Amino acid sequence: MCGLFLLRSFWSCGIVEQSIFRRFSQEEKETTLEDEKKNQLARRGLLLGAGALGATLLFPKKASAEYRCVPGYYGPQCVAQVPMDSIAANYSQQFQSQWCWAATISMLFRYYGYEVSQERIVEQAYGSLVNMPATDLTMTRAMNRRWISDDGEEFTSRVVRLMDLSSGIIAIDNTYIVNSLAQDRPLVMGARGHAVLLTEIEYIGGGYQPNITGGGVLDPWPDIGGPRSLRNDELYPAFRGGSLYYLAAIEVN
């Protein structure tokens, strides 16, 4: 499948301000027996496992966002989702086998109203149209710069929060993810050496922070053809035995 790789360790990495940088304490890493029992139904995943915030929205939900909860035995069972009709209209398959990163960035820009082709993203990164995966610096530079759209409009893209396990950055948590999606802000995600656009999170609320149980993405891989559910290993970061290693929140203006 399409590849993202690090300069050193062959995964995905990036550059971001570390204003909320934090590492896991031993207390946070350990799960008590009581917590383990409570989380059995939600065992599919805790997306990041860090968290100093509650499960409530940090800022008001946008009218178009889908954010709903129903009562559950272990707490409110909730979904935060970018509306599928608005995000699916911006879907595009990757045009080359290694262009998942370019396709994902192109979809994200198109979602915010700026058309930038995969070809231009690749050419800006490498100087020519080559079928290559993205290094950490290459991908983040593409999302951290000024662009002129294919229609001639100037805009700026900026990485504002990041989980980058390769460099020990965990500057994003489950609550931030929930709030981003509830505000119609999809995130760029890297797992299994493949880039996708995170559009939906399912979780159990009411605890220390949201406990992620599922989600959905737009996958540019041609055999997928668009929306799909997150696989179990994609819900867990690598240090918890999963394949999730990269998650970036982007502002476009």
Protein backbone atom coordinates (compact mmCIF):
# COMPACT_ATOMS: atom_id res chain seq x y z
CA MET A 1 0.00 0.00 0.00
CA CYS A 2 0.98 3.62 -0.27
CA GLY A 3 3.88 4.64 1.92
CA LEU A 4 4.76 7.40 4.31
CA PHE A 5 8.20 7.08 5.82
CA LEU A 6 10.45 8.87 8.24
CA LEU A 7 13.86 10.21 7.45
CA ARG A 8 15.25 7.87 10.10
CA SER A 9 12.75 5.23 11.11
CA PHE A 10 10.54 4.86 8.02
CA TRP A 11 7.28 6.12 9.44
CA SER A 12 5.64 9.52 9.30
CA CYS A 13 6.83 12.58 11.17
CA GLY A 14 6.44 16.33 11.17
CA ILE A 15 7.19 19.76 12.55
CA VAL A 16 4.84 21.61 14.88
CA GLU A 17 4.92 23.97 17.82
CA GLN A 18 5.13 21.94 21.01
CA SER A 19 3.19 24.36 23.22
CA ILE A 20 1.16 21.52 24.72
CA PHE A 21 3.87 18.88 24.46
CA ARG A 22 3.56 16.23 27.14
CA ARG A 23 4.74 12.69 27.71
CA PHE A 24 2.92 9.88 29.42
CA SER A 25 3.57 9.43 33.11
CA GLN A 26 3.84 5.92 34.51
CA GLU A 27 0.50 6.47 36.21
CA GLU A 28 -1.15 7.26 32.89
CA LYS A 29 0.41 4.24 31.20
CA GLU A 30 -0.92 1.80 33.77
CA THR A 31 -4.51 0.63 33.71
CA THR A 32 -6.12 -0.53 36.93
CA LEU A 33 -8.07 -3.76 37.08
CA GLU A 34 -11.24 -1.80 37.70
CA ASP A 35 -10.64 0.36 34.64
CA GLU A 36 -9.88 -2.74 32.60
CA LYS A 37 -13.24 -4.24 33.49
CA LYS A 38 -15.05 -1.02 32.69
CA ASN A 39 -13.35 -0.75 29.33
CA GLN A 40 -13.95 -4.27 28.05
CA LEU A 41 -16.75 -3.21 25.74
CA ALA A 42 -14.68 -0.30 24.53
CA ARG A 43 -11.49 -2.31 24.23
CA ARG A 44 -11.16 -1.58 20.53
CA GLY A 45 -9.10 1.43 21.28
CA LEU A 46 -7.97 4.46 23.14
CA LEU A 47 -6.71 6.56 20.29
CA LEU A 48 -4.00 8.47 22.09
CA GLY A 49 -4.31 7.56 25.75
CA ALA A 50 -3.16 10.97 26.98
CA GLY A 51 -5.55 13.58 28.22
CA ALA A 52 -6.01 16.36 30.70
CA LEU A 53 -9.43 17.43 29.50
CA GLY A 54 -12.96 16.20 29.93
CA ALA A 55 -15.27 14.78 27.33
CA THR A 56 -17.36 17.91 26.89
CA LEU A 57 -16.99 20.16 23.88
CA LEU A 58 -14.37 22.86 24.30
CA PHE A 59 -16.13 25.15 21.85
CA PRO A 60 -19.65 25.29 20.38
CA LYS A 61 -20.60 22.70 17.79
CA LYS A 62 -21.05 24.00 14.28
CA ALA A 63 -24.53 23.70 12.89
CA SER A 64 -23.43 21.34 10.12
CA ALA A 65 -21.41 19.00 12.34
CA GLU A 66 -22.86 15.69 13.49
CA TYR A 67 -22.39 15.25 17.22
CA ARG A 68 -24.72 12.95 19.11
CA CYS A 69 -24.80 10.77 22.22
CA VAL A 70 -27.11 8.07 23.55
CA PRO A 71 -27.10 6.56 27.06
CA GLY A 72 -24.91 3.49 27.50
CA TYR A 73 -24.04 1.06 30.28
CA TYR A 74 -20.45 2.31 30.53
CA GLY A 75 -21.30 5.95 29.83
CA PRO A 76 -22.68 8.03 26.97
CA GLN A 77 -22.00 6.44 23.59
CA CYS A 78 -21.20 9.28 21.22
CA VAL A 79 -20.25 10.09 17.65
CA ALA A 80 -18.49 13.21 16.37
CA GLN A 81 -18.42 13.36 12.59
CA VAL A 82 -17.79 15.70 9.72
CA PRO A 83 -21.03 15.38 7.69
CA MET A 84 -20.48 12.74 5.04
CA ASP A 85 -22.24 14.68 2.29
CA SER A 86 -19.82 17.58 2.69
CA ILE A 87 -16.64 15.53 3.03
CA ALA A 88 -17.44 12.86 0.42
CA ALA A 89 -17.88 15.53 -2.24
CA ASN A 90 -14.18 16.26 -1.88
CA TYR A 91 -12.98 12.67 -2.22
CA SER A 92 -10.31 11.72 -4.73
CA GLN A 93 -8.39 8.51 -5.29
CA GLN A 94 -4.62 8.69 -5.29
CA PHE A 95 -3.30 8.80 -8.84
CA GLN A 96 -0.10 6.84 -8.15
CA SER A 97 0.67 3.95 -5.81
CA GLN A 98 2.77 6.13 -3.48
CA TRP A 99 0.64 9.27 -3.54
CA CYS A 100 -1.67 8.62 -0.59
CA TRP A 101 -0.08 11.57 1.21
CA ALA A 102 -0.59 13.93 -1.73
CA ALA A 103 -4.16 12.73 -2.28
CA THR A 104 -5.01 13.19 1.41
CA ILE A 105 -3.59 16.71 1.47
CA SER A 106 -5.37 17.55 -1.77
CA MET A 107 -8.70 16.31 -0.33
CA LEU A 108 -8.15 18.38 2.80
CA PHE A 109 -7.45 21.55 0.83
CA ARG A 110 -10.46 20.92 -1.42
CA TYR A 111 -12.65 20.49 1.66
CA TYR A 112 -11.66 24.01 2.74
CA GLY A 113 -12.45 25.39 -0.70
CA TYR A 114 -9.03 25.38 -2.37
CA GLU A 115 -8.24 23.11 -5.29
CA VAL A 116 -4.62 21.95 -5.34
CA SER A 117 -3.96 18.90 -7.49
CA GLN A 118 -1.99 15.88 -6.35
CA GLU A 119 0.44 16.53 -9.17
CA ARG A 120 1.20 20.04 -7.92
CA ILE A 121 1.69 18.84 -4.35
CA VAL A 122 4.14 16.17 -5.53
CA GLU A 123 5.93 18.54 -7.89
CA GLN A 124 6.30 21.19 -5.18
CA ALA A 125 7.77 18.55 -2.87
CA TYR A 126 10.14 16.80 -5.28
CA GLY A 127 10.58 19.13 -8.23
CA SER A 128 9.04 16.67 -10.67
CA LEU A 129 6.23 14.14 -10.93
CA VAL A 130 7.76 11.13 -9.21
CA ASN A 131 5.90 8.21 -7.65
CA MET A 132 7.45 8.49 -4.20
CA PRO A 133 6.20 8.31 -0.61
CA ALA A 134 6.57 11.29 1.70
CA THR A 135 9.16 11.78 4.38
CA ASP A 136 8.14 13.40 7.64
CA LEU A 137 9.51 16.77 6.62
CA THR A 138 8.08 16.57 3.10
CA MET A 139 4.52 15.94 4.23
CA THR A 140 4.55 18.50 7.01
CA ARG A 141 6.09 21.16 4.80
CA ALA A 142 3.24 20.62 2.36
CA MET A 143 0.75 21.36 5.14
CA ASN A 144 2.77 24.19 6.70
CA ARG A 145 3.07 26.81 3.98
CA ARG A 146 1.38 29.29 1.71
CA TRP A 147 -0.21 27.98 -1.44
CA ILE A 148 -1.80 29.39 -4.56
CA SER A 149 -4.71 27.21 -5.58
CA ASP A 150 -5.22 25.91 -9.10
CA ASP A 151 -7.76 28.75 -9.47
CA GLY A 152 -5.24 31.39 -8.45
CA GLU A 153 -6.41 31.96 -4.87
CA GLU A 154 -3.75 32.39 -2.18
CA PHE A 155 -4.21 30.61 1.15
CA THR A 156 -2.17 29.40 4.11
CA SER A 157 -2.15 25.93 5.64
CA ARG A 158 -0.74 25.41 9.13
CA VAL A 159 -0.21 22.37 11.36
CA VAL A 160 -1.59 23.40 14.76
CA ARG A 161 -1.55 20.12 16.73
CA LEU A 162 0.39 16.93 16.19
CA MET A 163 0.96 13.42 17.43
CA ASP A 164 4.32 12.29 16.08
CA LEU A 165 5.58 9.21 17.89
CA SER A 166 8.87 9.17 16.01
CA SER A 167 10.03 12.35 17.72
CA GLY A 168 8.17 11.88 21.01
CA ILE A 169 5.57 14.58 20.34
CA ILE A 170 2.10 13.99 21.76
CA ALA A 171 0.49 17.40 21.43
CA ILE A 172 -3.03 16.17 20.77
CA ASP A 173 -5.46 14.09 22.81
CA ASN A 174 -8.83 12.37 22.43
CA THR A 175 -10.82 15.40 23.55
CA TYR A 176 -9.13 17.60 20.97
CA ILE A 177 -9.89 15.03 18.27
CA VAL A 178 -13.58 14.90 19.26
CA ASN A 179 -13.82 18.67 19.31
CA SER A 180 -12.10 19.04 15.95
CA LEU A 181 -14.53 16.70 14.23
CA ALA A 182 -17.49 18.31 16.01
CA GLN A 183 -16.27 21.58 14.48
CA ASP A 184 -16.10 20.11 10.95
CA ARG A 185 -12.31 19.89 11.04
CA PRO A 186 -11.01 16.58 9.64
CA LEU A 187 -7.52 15.44 10.63
CA VAL A 188 -4.69 13.92 8.61
CA MET A 189 -3.89 10.46 9.93
CA GLY A 190 -1.03 8.04 9.32
CA ALA A 191 -1.31 4.34 10.18
CA ARG A 192 -0.03 1.16 8.53
CA GLY A 193 2.33 3.33 6.47
CA HIS A 194 -0.68 4.93 4.78
CA ALA A 195 -2.20 8.42 4.90
CA VAL A 196 -5.96 8.96 5.22
CA LEU A 197 -8.34 11.71 6.27
CA LEU A 198 -9.97 11.14 9.68
CA THR A 199 -13.64 12.21 9.52
CA GLU A 200 -15.47 10.35 12.31
CA ILE A 201 -14.86 9.19 15.87
CA GLU A 202 -17.04 6.94 18.02
CA TYR A 203 -16.37 7.03 21.73
CA ILE A 204 -17.64 6.48 25.26
CA GLY A 205 -17.80 9.71 27.24
CA GLY A 206 -18.24 10.60 30.87
CA GLY A 207 -14.75 9.66 32.04
CA TYR A 208 -11.35 11.24 32.36
CA GLN A 209 -11.46 11.77 28.62
CA PRO A 210 -13.28 10.20 25.65
CA ASN A 211 -12.56 6.48 25.22
CA ILE A 212 -12.32 5.90 21.49
CA THR A 213 -14.14 2.80 20.25
CA GLY A 214 -14.28 3.31 16.49
CA GLY A 215 -14.18 5.79 13.67
CA GLY A 216 -14.15 6.42 9.98
CA VAL A 217 -11.82 7.84 7.35
CA LEU A 218 -11.67 8.82 3.70
CA ASP A 219 -9.11 6.48 2.18
CA PRO A 220 -7.56 7.49 -1.16
CA TRP A 221 -6.44 3.95 -1.99
CA PRO A 222 -8.23 2.98 -5.25
CA ASP A 223 -9.46 -0.40 -4.02
CA ILE A 224 -11.19 1.30 -1.07
CA GLY A 225 -13.04 3.93 -3.04
CA GLY A 226 -13.77 6.42 -0.27
CA PRO A 227 -15.21 6.10 3.24
CA ARG A 228 -14.30 3.14 5.41
CA SER A 229 -14.25 2.22 9.09
CA LEU A 230 -11.04 2.31 11.09
CA ARG A 231 -9.47 -1.09 11.65
CA ASN A 232 -8.77 -2.20 15.19
CA ASP A 233 -5.01 -1.62 15.07
CA GLU A 234 -5.50 1.87 13.64
CA LEU A 235 -7.24 2.91 16.86
CA TYR A 236 -4.13 2.27 18.96
CA PRO A 237 -0.87 4.23 18.85
CA ALA A 238 2.25 2.19 18.22
CA PHE A 239 3.37 2.28 21.86
CA ARG A 240 0.13 0.45 22.74
CA GLY A 241 0.65 -2.19 20.11
CA GLY A 242 -1.26 -0.52 17.29
CA SER A 243 -0.29 0.98 13.96
CA LEU A 244 -1.23 4.62 14.57
CA TYR A 245 1.83 6.86 14.57
CA TYR A 246 0.81 10.21 13.10
CA LEU A 247 -2.13 12.55 13.54
CA ALA A 248 -2.16 16.19 12.49
CA ALA A 249 -4.71 18.95 12.97
CA ILE A 250 -4.59 21.57 10.23
CA GLU A 251 -5.89 25.11 9.92
CA VAL A 252 -6.48 26.50 6.45
CA ASN A 253 -7.21 30.18 5.88
